[in-house]
Amino acid sequence: MKIEAMTPKSTAIEELGRRLAHVRKQRGYTQAQLSNEAGLGVATLRRIEEGKDAQIGSWIKLLKALNMTSAIDSLVPETFNSPMSEVKSTRRRARKTGQSNQAALWGDEQ
């Protein structure tokens, strides 16, 4: 299941828990082993895998224990550039350098 903007929070949390359980099993961990590796209680891991709400700190510990730190970083990227922010920053630079009479060009315009 793909988690999208319209996916209810409870459904998204259940899906993430299901995915975590799947990864844990693929990596050959029991719930006891992974919870021990992450420094969490087995009950906490069980609750997360069942789709109950959990603290972000618990998720971070679990993803680190599974060597999935890239998943943590992708939650909120360090830098995020949308096409609109790129155009706005180009316009700001142009104003500062006195080139504001020129329109911003898209990649296919030459």
PDB file of N, CA and C in Angstrom:
ATOM      1  N   MET A   1       0.835  -1.185   0.000  1.00  0.00           N
ATOM      2  CA  MET A   1       0.000   0.000   0.000  1.00  0.00           C
ATOM      3  C   MET A   1       0.877   1.244   0.000  1.00  0.00           C
ATOM      4  N   LYS A   2       0.548   2.182  -0.848  1.00  0.00           N
ATOM      5  CA  LYS A   2       1.273   3.445  -0.920  1.00  0.00           C
ATOM      6  C   LYS A   2       0.628   4.430   0.047  1.00  0.00           C
ATOM      7  N   ILE A   3       1.451   5.096   0.842  1.00  0.00           N
ATOM      8  CA  ILE A   3       0.952   6.109   1.766  1.00  0.00           C
ATOM      9  C   ILE A   3       0.945   7.437   1.020  1.00  0.00           C
ATOM     10  N   GLU A   4      -0.223   8.052   0.939  1.00  0.00           N
ATOM     11  CA  GLU A   4      -0.373   9.299   0.199  1.00  0.00           C
ATOM     12  C   GLU A   4      -0.971  10.376   1.094  1.00  0.00           C
ATOM     13  N   ALA A   5      -1.118  11.563   0.551  1.00  0.00           N
ATOM     14  CA  ALA A   5      -1.611  12.708   1.326  1.00  0.00           C
ATOM     15  C   ALA A   5      -2.983  12.447   1.938  1.00  0.00           C
ATOM     16  N   MET A   6      -3.814  11.720   1.262  1.00  0.00           N
ATOM     17  CA  MET A   6      -5.174  11.466   1.748  1.00  0.00           C
ATOM     18  C   MET A   6      -5.280  10.218   2.626  1.00  0.00           C
ATOM     19  N   THR A   7      -4.189   9.510   2.838  1.00  0.00           N
ATOM     20  CA  THR A   7      -4.212   8.321   3.686  1.00  0.00           C
ATOM     21  C   THR A   7      -4.435   8.754   5.129  1.00  0.00           C
ATOM     22  N   PRO A   8      -5.437   8.186   5.798  1.00  0.00           N
ATOM     23  CA  PRO A   8      -5.660   8.553   7.199  1.00  0.00           C
ATOM     24  C   PRO A   8      -4.439   8.219   8.066  1.00  0.00           C
ATOM     25  N   LYS A   9      -4.234   9.012   9.090  1.00  0.00           N
ATOM     26  CA  LYS A   9      -3.084   8.836   9.981  1.00  0.00           C
ATOM     27  C   LYS A   9      -3.028   7.409  10.529  1.00  0.00           C
ATOM     28  N   SER A  10      -4.137   6.900  11.003  1.00  0.00           N
ATOM     29  CA  SER A  10      -4.141   5.558  11.600  1.00  0.00           C
ATOM     30  C   SER A  10      -3.758   4.493  10.574  1.00  0.00           C
ATOM     31  N   THR A  11      -4.204   4.645   9.346  1.00  0.00           N
ATOM     32  CA  THR A  11      -3.869   3.698   8.285  1.00  0.00           C
ATOM     33  C   THR A  11      -2.382   3.772   7.949  1.00  0.00           C
ATOM     34  N   ALA A  12      -1.839   4.988   7.906  1.00  0.00           N
ATOM     35  CA  ALA A  12      -0.413   5.161   7.622  1.00  0.00           C
ATOM     36  C   ALA A  12       0.433   4.525   8.719  1.00  0.00           C
ATOM     37  N   ILE A  13       0.038   4.710   9.969  1.00  0.00           N
ATOM     38  CA  ILE A  13       0.789   4.134  11.092  1.00  0.00           C
ATOM     39  C   ILE A  13       0.730   2.612  11.052  1.00  0.00           C
ATOM     40  N   GLU A  14      -0.422   2.063  10.729  1.00  0.00           N
ATOM     41  CA  GLU A  14      -0.555   0.604  10.599  1.00  0.00           C
ATOM     42  C   GLU A  14       0.330   0.079   9.476  1.00  0.00           C
ATOM     43  N   GLU A  15       0.358   0.784   8.355  1.00  0.00           N
ATOM     44  CA  GLU A  15       1.182   0.367   7.214  1.00  0.00           C
ATOM     45  C   GLU A  15       2.666   0.423   7.571  1.00  0.00           C
ATOM     46  N   LEU A  16       3.090   1.471   8.241  1.00  0.00           N
ATOM     47  CA  LEU A  16       4.496   1.572   8.648  1.00  0.00           C
ATOM     48  C   LEU A  16       4.863   0.440   9.607  1.00  0.00           C
ATOM     49  N   GLY A  17       3.973   0.116  10.527  1.00  0.00           N
ATOM     50  CA  GLY A  17       4.218  -0.997  11.444  1.00  0.00           C
ATOM     51  C   GLY A  17       4.340  -2.324  10.715  1.00  0.00           C
ATOM     52  N   ARG A  18       3.472  -2.517   9.720  1.00  0.00           N
ATOM     53  CA  ARG A  18       3.522  -3.744   8.914  1.00  0.00           C
ATOM     54  C   ARG A  18       4.840  -3.818   8.152  1.00  0.00           C
ATOM     55  N   ARG A  19       5.267  -2.692   7.590  1.00  0.00           N
ATOM     56  CA  ARG A  19       6.534  -2.653   6.853  1.00  0.00           C
ATOM     57  C   ARG A  19       7.719  -2.942   7.776  1.00  0.00           C
ATOM     58  N   LEU A  20       7.683  -2.374   8.969  1.00  0.00           N
ATOM     59  CA  LEU A  20       8.764  -2.607   9.932  1.00  0.00           C
ATOM     60  C   LEU A  20       8.850  -4.092  10.280  1.00  0.00           C
ATOM     61  N   ALA A  21       7.720  -4.716  10.543  1.00  0.00           N
ATOM     62  CA  ALA A  21       7.715  -6.148  10.861  1.00  0.00           C
ATOM     63  C   ALA A  21       8.275  -6.959   9.691  1.00  0.00           C
ATOM     64  N   HIS A  22       7.923  -6.571   8.481  1.00  0.00           N
ATOM     65  CA  HIS A  22       8.405  -7.270   7.292  1.00  0.00           C
ATOM     66  C   HIS A  22       9.930  -7.159   7.184  1.00  0.00           C
ATOM     67  N   VAL A  23      10.465  -5.959   7.364  1.00  0.00           N
ATOM     68  CA  VAL A  23      11.920  -5.755   7.291  1.00  0.00           C
ATOM     69  C   VAL A  23      12.611  -6.531   8.400  1.00  0.00           C
ATOM     70  N   ARG A  24      12.051  -6.476   9.593  1.00  0.00           N
ATOM     71  CA  ARG A  24      12.640  -7.206  10.730  1.00  0.00           C
ATOM     72  C   ARG A  24      12.752  -8.690  10.412  1.00  0.00           C
ATOM     73  N   LYS A  25      11.701  -9.260   9.879  1.00  0.00           N
ATOM     74  CA  LYS A  25      11.701 -10.686   9.545  1.00  0.00           C
ATOM     75  C   LYS A  25      12.679 -11.002   8.418  1.00  0.00           C
ATOM     76  N   GLN A  26      12.726 -10.127   7.414  1.00  0.00           N
ATOM     77  CA  GLN A  26      13.669 -10.333   6.303  1.00  0.00           C
ATOM     78  C   GLN A  26      15.115 -10.318   6.790  1.00  0.00           C
ATOM     79  N   ARG A  27      15.381  -9.499   7.793  1.00  0.00           N
ATOM     80  CA  ARG A  27      16.742  -9.391   8.323  1.00  0.00           C
ATOM     81  C   ARG A  27      17.050 -10.485   9.346  1.00  0.00           C
ATOM     82  N   GLY A  28      16.058 -11.309   9.644  1.00  0.00           N
ATOM     83  CA  GLY A  28      16.278 -12.449  10.534  1.00  0.00           C
ATOM     84  C   GLY A  28      16.237 -12.128  12.015  1.00  0.00           C
ATOM     85  N   TYR A  29      15.626 -11.019  12.385  1.00  0.00           N
ATOM     86  CA  TYR A  29      15.506 -10.648  13.798  1.00  0.00           C
ATOM     87  C   TYR A  29      14.192 -11.153  14.376  1.00  0.00           C
ATOM     88  N   THR A  30      14.246 -11.581  15.617  1.00  0.00           N
ATOM     89  CA  THR A  30      13.009 -11.783  16.362  1.00  0.00           C
ATOM     90  C   THR A  30      12.661 -10.438  16.980  1.00  0.00           C
ATOM     91  N   GLN A  31      11.450 -10.316  17.490  1.00  0.00           N
ATOM     92  CA  GLN A  31      11.084  -9.068  18.163  1.00  0.00           C
ATOM     93  C   GLN A  31      12.001  -8.818  19.356  1.00  0.00           C
ATOM     94  N   ALA A  32      12.339  -9.867  20.086  1.00  0.00           N
ATOM     95  CA  ALA A  32      13.221  -9.719  21.248  1.00  0.00           C
ATOM     96  C   ALA A  32      14.615  -9.241  20.835  1.00  0.00           C
ATOM     97  N   GLN A  33      15.134  -9.795  19.750  1.00  0.00           N
ATOM     98  CA  GLN A  33      16.475  -9.409  19.293  1.00  0.00           C
ATOM     99  C   GLN A  33      16.513  -7.953  18.827  1.00  0.00           C
ATOM    100  N   LEU A  34      15.546  -7.556  18.017  1.00  0.00           N
ATOM    101  CA  LEU A  34      15.544  -6.191  17.506  1.00  0.00           C
ATOM    102  C   LEU A  34      15.289  -5.184  18.613  1.00  0.00           C
ATOM    103  N   SER A  35      14.369  -5.479  19.488  1.00  0.00           N
ATOM    104  CA  SER A  35      14.093  -4.533  20.574  1.00  0.00           C
ATOM    105  C   SER A  35      15.315  -4.381  21.474  1.00  0.00           C
ATOM    106  N   ASN A  36      16.027  -5.471  21.714  1.00  0.00           N
ATOM    107  CA  ASN A  36      17.252  -5.413  22.516  1.00  0.00           C
ATOM    108  C   ASN A  36      18.319  -4.580  21.803  1.00  0.00           C
ATOM    109  N   GLU A  37      18.480  -4.815  20.503  1.00  0.00           N
ATOM    110  CA  GLU A  37      19.465  -4.079  19.696  1.00  0.00           C
ATOM    111  C   GLU A  37      19.150  -2.575  19.676  1.00  0.00           C
ATOM    112  N   ALA A  38      17.861  -2.238  19.654  1.00  0.00           N
ATOM    113  CA  ALA A  38      17.435  -0.845  19.584  1.00  0.00           C
ATOM    114  C   ALA A  38      17.357  -0.186  20.968  1.00  0.00           C
ATOM    115  N   GLY A  39      17.415  -0.988  22.012  1.00  0.00           N
ATOM    116  CA  GLY A  39      17.301  -0.429  23.353  1.00  0.00           C
ATOM    117  C   GLY A  39      15.866  -0.101  23.741  1.00  0.00           C
ATOM    118  N   LEU A  40      14.945  -0.881  23.220  1.00  0.00           N
ATOM    119  CA  LEU A  40      13.522  -0.707  23.502  1.00  0.00           C
ATOM    120  C   LEU A  40      12.961  -1.968  24.132  1.00  0.00           C
ATOM    121  N   GLY A  41      11.825  -1.852  24.739  1.00  0.00           N
ATOM    122  CA  GLY A  41      11.147  -3.025  25.267  1.00  0.00           C
ATOM    123  C   GLY A  41      10.445  -3.788  24.159  1.00  0.00           C
ATOM    124  N   VAL A  42      10.289  -5.083  24.356  1.00  0.00           N
ATOM    125  CA  VAL A  42       9.592  -5.913  23.363  1.00  0.00           C
ATOM    126  C   VAL A  42       8.161  -5.420  23.187  1.00  0.00           C
ATOM    127  N   ALA A  43       7.529  -5.007  24.282  1.00  0.00           N
ATOM    128  CA  ALA A  43       6.152  -4.512  24.199  1.00  0.00           C
ATOM    129  C   ALA A  43       6.057  -3.270  23.317  1.00  0.00           C
ATOM    130  N   THR A  44       7.063  -2.430  23.370  1.00  0.00           N
ATOM    131  CA  THR A  44       7.078  -1.222  22.529  1.00  0.00           C
ATOM    132  C   THR A  44       7.166  -1.611  21.062  1.00  0.00           C
ATOM    133  N   LEU A  45       8.077  -2.514  20.730  1.00  0.00           N
ATOM    134  CA  LEU A  45       8.207  -2.964  19.348  1.00  0.00           C
ATOM    135  C   LEU A  45       6.924  -3.641  18.882  1.00  0.00           C
ATOM    136  N   ARG A  46       6.358  -4.470  19.714  1.00  0.00           N
ATOM    137  CA  ARG A  46       5.116  -5.166  19.352  1.00  0.00           C
ATOM    138  C   ARG A  46       4.012  -4.138  19.060  1.00  0.00           C
ATOM    139  N   ARG A  47       3.913  -3.115  19.900  1.00  0.00           N
ATOM    140  CA  ARG A  47       2.896  -2.075  19.731  1.00  0.00           C
ATOM    141  C   ARG A  47       3.108  -1.329  18.401  1.00  0.00           C
ATOM    142  N   ILE A  48       4.362  -1.017  18.094  1.00  0.00           N
ATOM    143  CA  ILE A  48       4.656  -0.309  16.842  1.00  0.00           C
ATOM    144  C   ILE A  48       4.291  -1.178  15.635  1.00  0.00           C
ATOM    145  N   GLU A  49       4.668  -2.443  15.679  1.00  0.00           N
ATOM    146  CA  GLU A  49       4.363  -3.345  14.563  1.00  0.00           C
ATOM    147  C   GLU A  49       2.863  -3.587  14.411  1.00  0.00           C
ATOM    148  N   GLU A  50       2.119  -3.443  15.485  1.00  0.00           N
ATOM    149  CA  GLU A  50       0.661  -3.595  15.427  1.00  0.00           C
ATOM    150  C   GLU A  50      -0.023  -2.340  14.903  1.00  0.00           C
ATOM    151  N   GLY A  51       0.756  -1.300  14.653  1.00  0.00           N
ATOM    152  CA  GLY A  51       0.180  -0.081  14.107  1.00  0.00           C
ATOM    153  C   GLY A  51      -0.336   0.884  15.143  1.00  0.00           C
ATOM    154  N   LYS A  52       0.140   0.742  16.358  1.00  0.00           N
ATOM    155  CA  LYS A  52      -0.222   1.702  17.399  1.00  0.00           C
ATOM    156  C   LYS A  52       0.730   2.885  17.286  1.00  0.00           C
ATOM    157  N   ASP A  53       0.270   4.037  17.710  1.00  0.00           N
ATOM    158  CA  ASP A  53       1.087   5.242  17.634  1.00  0.00           C
ATOM    159  C   ASP A  53       2.355   5.073  18.455  1.00  0.00           C
ATOM    160  N   ALA A  54       3.457   5.671  17.998  1.00  0.00           N
ATOM    161  CA  ALA A  54       4.740   5.541  18.684  1.00  0.00           C
ATOM    162  C   ALA A  54       5.501   6.858  18.612  1.00  0.00           C
ATOM    163  N   GLN A  55       6.420   7.016  19.514  1.00  0.00           N
ATOM    164  CA  GLN A  55       7.261   8.208  19.511  1.00  0.00           C
ATOM    165  C   GLN A  55       8.281   8.109  18.385  1.00  0.00           C
ATOM    166  N   ILE A  56       8.627   9.264  17.826  1.00  0.00           N
ATOM    167  CA  ILE A  56       9.613   9.294  16.745  1.00  0.00           C
ATOM    168  C   ILE A  56      10.959   8.759  17.228  1.00  0.00           C
ATOM    169  N   GLY A  57      11.275   8.982  18.506  1.00  0.00           N
ATOM    170  CA  GLY A  57      12.529   8.482  19.065  1.00  0.00           C
ATOM    171  C   GLY A  57      12.626   6.966  18.995  1.00  0.00           C
ATOM    172  N   SER A  58      11.524   6.290  19.211  1.00  0.00           N
ATOM    173  CA  SER A  58      11.505   4.823  19.116  1.00  0.00           C
ATOM    174  C   SER A  58      11.751   4.382  17.677  1.00  0.00           C
ATOM    175  N   TRP A  59      11.129   5.066  16.729  1.00  0.00           N
ATOM    176  CA  TRP A  59      11.345   4.744  15.318  1.00  0.00           C
ATOM    177  C   TRP A  59      12.806   4.949  14.933  1.00  0.00           C
ATOM    178  N   ILE A  60      13.398   6.042  15.401  1.00  0.00           N
ATOM    179  CA  ILE A  60      14.802   6.315  15.078  1.00  0.00           C
ATOM    180  C   ILE A  60      15.699   5.212  15.623  1.00  0.00           C
ATOM    181  N   LYS A  61      15.460   4.780  16.853  1.00  0.00           N
ATOM    182  CA  LYS A  61      16.254   3.693  17.439  1.00  0.00           C
ATOM    183  C   LYS A  61      16.122   2.411  16.620  1.00  0.00           C
ATOM    184  N   LEU A  62      14.902   2.105  16.198  1.00  0.00           N
ATOM    185  CA  LEU A  62      14.676   0.886  15.419  1.00  0.00           C
ATOM    186  C   LEU A  62      15.342   0.961  14.049  1.00  0.00           C
ATOM    187  N   LEU A  63      15.198   2.095  13.382  1.00  0.00           N
ATOM    188  CA  LEU A  63      15.804   2.230  12.056  1.00  0.00           C
ATOM    189  C   LEU A  63      17.325   2.214  12.135  1.00  0.00           C
ATOM    190  N   LYS A  64      17.895   2.775  13.184  1.00  0.00           N
ATOM    191  CA  LYS A  64      19.346   2.697  13.364  1.00  0.00           C
ATOM    192  C   LYS A  64      19.776   1.257  13.595  1.00  0.00           C
ATOM    193  N   ALA A  65      19.026   0.528  14.416  1.00  0.00           N
ATOM    194  CA  ALA A  65      19.364  -0.872  14.696  1.00  0.00           C
ATOM    195  C   ALA A  65      19.286  -1.718  13.421  1.00  0.00           C
ATOM    196  N   LEU A  66      18.411  -1.331  12.502  1.00  0.00           N
ATOM    197  CA  LEU A  66      18.270  -2.056  11.233  1.00  0.00           C
ATOM    198  C   LEU A  66      19.196  -1.507  10.148  1.00  0.00           C
ATOM    199  N   ASN A  67      20.085  -0.583  10.515  1.00  0.00           N
ATOM    200  CA  ASN A  67      20.993   0.069   9.566  1.00  0.00           C
ATOM    201  C   ASN A  67      20.224   0.734   8.428  1.00  0.00           C
ATOM    202  N   MET A  68      19.161   1.428   8.777  1.00  0.00           N
ATOM    203  CA  MET A  68      18.332   2.120   7.787  1.00  0.00           C
ATOM    204  C   MET A  68      18.327   3.631   8.061  1.00  0.00           C
ATOM    205  N   THR A  69      19.492   4.188   8.360  1.00  0.00           N
ATOM    206  CA  THR A  69      19.552   5.611   8.682  1.00  0.00           C
ATOM    207  C   THR A  69      19.165   6.499   7.509  1.00  0.00           C
ATOM    208  N   SER A  70      19.305   6.009   6.286  1.00  0.00           N
ATOM    209  CA  SER A  70      18.880   6.824   5.138  1.00  0.00           C
ATOM    210  C   SER A  70      17.373   7.069   5.176  1.00  0.00           C
ATOM    211  N   ALA A  71      16.628   6.130   5.760  1.00  0.00           N
ATOM    212  CA  ALA A  71      15.183   6.313   5.894  1.00  0.00           C
ATOM    213  C   ALA A  71      14.882   7.456   6.864  1.00  0.00           C
ATOM    214  N   ILE A  72      15.714   7.600   7.886  1.00  0.00           N
ATOM    215  CA  ILE A  72      15.532   8.692   8.842  1.00  0.00           C
ATOM    216  C   ILE A  72      15.766  10.018   8.136  1.00  0.00           C
ATOM    217  N   ASP A  73      16.849  10.097   7.387  1.00  0.00           N
ATOM    218  CA  ASP A  73      17.211  11.330   6.707  1.00  0.00           C
ATOM    219  C   ASP A  73      16.186  11.724   5.656  1.00  0.00           C
ATOM    220  N   SER A  74      15.531  10.761   5.052  1.00  0.00           N
ATOM    221  CA  SER A  74      14.571  11.083   4.002  1.00  0.00           C
ATOM    222  C   SER A  74      13.224  11.562   4.565  1.00  0.00           C
ATOM    223  N   LEU A  75      13.000  11.426   5.871  1.00  0.00           N
ATOM    224  CA  LEU A  75      11.748  11.927   6.449  1.00  0.00           C
ATOM    225  C   LEU A  75      11.597  13.425   6.195  1.00  0.00           C
ATOM    226  N   VAL A  76      12.636  14.167   6.519  1.00  0.00           N
ATOM    227  CA  VAL A  76      12.671  15.602   6.254  1.00  0.00           C
ATOM    228  C   VAL A  76      14.074  15.905   5.744  1.00  0.00           C
ATOM    229  N   PRO A  77      14.232  16.022   4.432  1.00  0.00           N
ATOM    230  CA  PRO A  77      15.564  16.238   3.871  1.00  0.00           C
ATOM    231  C   PRO A  77      16.213  17.519   4.396  1.00  0.00           C
ATOM    232  N   GLU A  78      17.530  17.506   4.453  1.00  0.00           N
ATOM    233  CA  GLU A  78      18.269  18.673   4.924  1.00  0.00           C
ATOM    234  C   GLU A  78      17.994  19.879   4.031  1.00  0.00           C
ATOM    235  N   THR A  79      17.969  19.646   2.748  1.00  0.00           N
ATOM    236  CA  THR A  79      17.619  20.707   1.804  1.00  0.00           C
ATOM    237  C   THR A  79      16.478  20.215   0.936  1.00  0.00           C
ATOM    238  N   PHE A  80      15.585  21.118   0.648  1.00  0.00           N
ATOM    239  CA  PHE A  80      14.447  20.784  -0.208  1.00  0.00           C
ATOM    240  C   PHE A  80      14.249  21.943  -1.170  1.00  0.00           C
ATOM    241  N   ASN A  81      14.409  21.683  -2.440  1.00  0.00           N
ATOM    242  CA  ASN A  81      14.238  22.713  -3.454  1.00  0.00           C
ATOM    243  C   ASN A  81      13.097  22.342  -4.377  1.00  0.00           C
ATOM    244  N   SER A  82      12.066  23.143  -4.328  1.00  0.00           N
ATOM    245  CA  SER A  82      10.955  22.938  -5.250  1.00  0.00           C
ATOM    246  C   SER A  82      11.211  23.777  -6.496  1.00  0.00           C
ATOM    247  N   PRO A  83      10.587  23.447  -7.602  1.00  0.00           N
ATOM    248  CA  PRO A  83      10.774  24.263  -8.807  1.00  0.00           C
ATOM    249  C   PRO A  83      10.420  25.736  -8.567  1.00  0.00           C
ATOM    250  N   MET A  84       9.370  25.989  -7.776  1.00  0.00           N
ATOM    251  CA  MET A  84       8.964  27.368  -7.516  1.00  0.00           C
ATOM    252  C   MET A  84      10.020  28.107  -6.703  1.00  0.00           C
ATOM    253  N   SER A  85      10.616  27.448  -5.715  1.00  0.00           N
ATOM    254  CA  SER A  85      11.648  28.117  -4.917  1.00  0.00           C
ATOM    255  C   SER A  85      12.886  28.401  -5.759  1.00  0.00           C
ATOM    256  N   GLU A  86      13.173  27.550  -6.733  1.00  0.00           N
ATOM    257  CA  GLU A  86      14.301  27.791  -7.641  1.00  0.00           C
ATOM    258  C   GLU A  86      14.069  29.051  -8.465  1.00  0.00           C
ATOM    259  N   VAL A  87      12.850  29.220  -8.987  1.00  0.00           N
ATOM    260  CA  VAL A  87      12.528  30.406  -9.787  1.00  0.00           C
ATOM    261  C   VAL A  87      12.620  31.655  -8.924  1.00  0.00           C
ATOM    262  N   LYS A  88      12.067  31.578  -7.708  1.00  0.00           N
ATOM    263  CA  LYS A  88      12.107  32.740  -6.816  1.00  0.00           C
ATOM    264  C   LYS A  88      13.537  33.125  -6.468  1.00  0.00           C
ATOM    265  N   SER A  89      14.389  32.153  -6.203  1.00  0.00           N
ATOM    266  CA  SER A  89      15.765  32.472  -5.851  1.00  0.00           C
ATOM    267  C   SER A  89      16.514  33.041  -7.057  1.00  0.00           C
ATOM    268  N   THR A  90      16.200  32.578  -8.269  1.00  0.00           N
ATOM    269  CA  THR A  90      16.803  33.132  -9.476  1.00  0.00           C
ATOM    270  C   THR A  90      16.393  34.595  -9.638  1.00  0.00           C
ATOM    271  N   ARG A  91      15.143  34.883  -9.380  1.00  0.00           N
ATOM    272  CA  ARG A  91      14.655  36.261  -9.489  1.00  0.00           C
ATOM    273  C   ARG A  91      15.315  37.160  -8.446  1.00  0.00           C
ATOM    274  N   ARG A  92      15.484  36.648  -7.210  1.00  0.00           N
ATOM    275  CA  ARG A  92      16.147  37.447  -6.160  1.00  0.00           C
ATOM    276  C   ARG A  92      17.583  37.762  -6.555  1.00  0.00           C
ATOM    277  N   ARG A  93      18.297  36.750  -7.070  1.00  0.00           N
ATOM    278  CA  ARG A  93      19.680  36.978  -7.499  1.00  0.00           C
ATOM    279  C   ARG A  93      19.736  37.984  -8.634  1.00  0.00           C
ATOM    280  N   ALA A  94      18.782  37.890  -9.553  1.00  0.00           N
ATOM    281  CA  ALA A  94      18.759  38.819 -10.684  1.00  0.00           C
ATOM    282  C   ALA A  94      18.517  40.249 -10.207  1.00  0.00           C
ATOM    283  N   ARG A  95      17.634  40.449  -9.253  1.00  0.00           N
ATOM    284  CA  ARG A  95      17.378  41.792  -8.724  1.00  0.00           C
ATOM    285  C   ARG A  95      18.617  42.364  -8.064  1.00  0.00           C
ATOM    286  N   LYS A  96      19.342  41.529  -7.325  1.00  0.00           N
ATOM    287  CA  LYS A  96      20.545  41.984  -6.624  1.00  0.00           C
ATOM    288  C   LYS A  96      21.632  42.403  -7.601  1.00  0.00           C
ATOM    289  N   THR A  97      21.697  41.738  -8.744  1.00  0.00           N
ATOM    290  CA  THR A  97      22.748  42.050  -9.714  1.00  0.00           C
ATOM    291  C   THR A  97      22.271  43.017 -10.785  1.00  0.00           C
ATOM    292  N   GLY A  98      21.035  43.513 -10.689  1.00  0.00           N
ATOM    293  CA  GLY A  98      20.515  44.484 -11.650  1.00  0.00           C
ATOM    294  C   GLY A  98      20.058  43.882 -12.954  1.00  0.00           C
ATOM    295  N   GLN A  99      19.794  42.600 -12.994  1.00  0.00           N
ATOM    296  CA  GLN A  99      19.356  41.930 -14.218  1.00  0.00           C
ATOM    297  C   GLN A  99      17.878  41.579 -14.170  1.00  0.00           C
ATOM    298  N   SER A 100      17.085  42.356 -13.464  1.00  0.00           N
ATOM    299  CA  SER A 100      15.678  42.001 -13.255  1.00  0.00           C
ATOM    300  C   SER A 100      14.828  42.136 -14.508  1.00  0.00           C
ATOM    301  N   ASN A 101      15.340  42.747 -15.576  1.00  0.00           N
ATOM    302  CA  ASN A 101      14.565  42.862 -16.809  1.00  0.00           C
ATOM    303  C   ASN A 101      14.467  41.546 -17.563  1.00  0.00           C
ATOM    304  N   GLN A 102      15.341  40.587 -17.244  1.00  0.00           N
ATOM    305  CA  GLN A 102      15.332  39.310 -17.943  1.00  0.00           C
ATOM    306  C   GLN A 102      14.396  38.341 -17.242  1.00  0.00           C
ATOM    307  N   ALA A 103      13.590  37.659 -18.010  1.00  0.00           N
ATOM    308  CA  ALA A 103      12.689  36.650 -17.453  1.00  0.00           C
ATOM    309  C   ALA A 103      13.474  35.388 -17.147  1.00  0.00           C
ATOM    310  N   ALA A 104      13.025  34.656 -16.137  1.00  0.00           N
ATOM    311  CA  ALA A 104      13.655  33.379 -15.816  1.00  0.00           C
ATOM    312  C   ALA A 104      13.364  32.388 -16.934  1.00  0.00           C
ATOM    313  N   LEU A 105      14.374  31.627 -17.329  1.00  0.00           N
ATOM    314  CA  LEU A 105      14.203  30.633 -18.395  1.00  0.00           C
ATOM    315  C   LEU A 105      14.072  29.237 -17.795  1.00  0.00           C
ATOM    316  N   TRP A 106      13.153  28.475 -18.329  1.00  0.00           N
ATOM    317  CA  TRP A 106      13.024  27.086 -17.952  1.00  0.00           C
ATOM    318  C   TRP A 106      14.064  26.303 -18.748  1.00  0.00           C
ATOM    319  N   GLY A 107      14.288  25.059 -18.386  1.00  0.00           N
ATOM    320  CA  GLY A 107      15.312  24.246 -19.016  1.00  0.00           C
ATOM    321  C   GLY A 107      15.140  24.044 -20.508  1.00  0.00           C
ATOM    322  N   ASP A 108      13.915  24.088 -21.017  1.00  0.00           N
ATOM    323  CA  ASP A 108      13.700  23.823 -22.440  1.00  0.00           C
ATOM    324  C   ASP A 108      13.663  25.096 -23.287  1.00  0.00           C
ATOM    325  N   GLU A 109      13.855  26.257 -22.673  1.00  0.00           N
ATOM    326  CA  GLU A 109      13.845  27.523 -23.401  1.00  0.00           C
ATOM    327  C   GLU A 109      15.251  27.996 -23.652  1.00  0.00           C
ATOM    328  N   GLN A 110      15.580  28.246 -24.895  1.00  0.00           N
ATOM    329  CA  GLN A 110      16.919  28.735 -25.250  1.00  0.00           C
ATOM    330  C   GLN A 110      16.798  29.897 -26.206  1.00  0.00           C
TER     331      GLN A 110
END
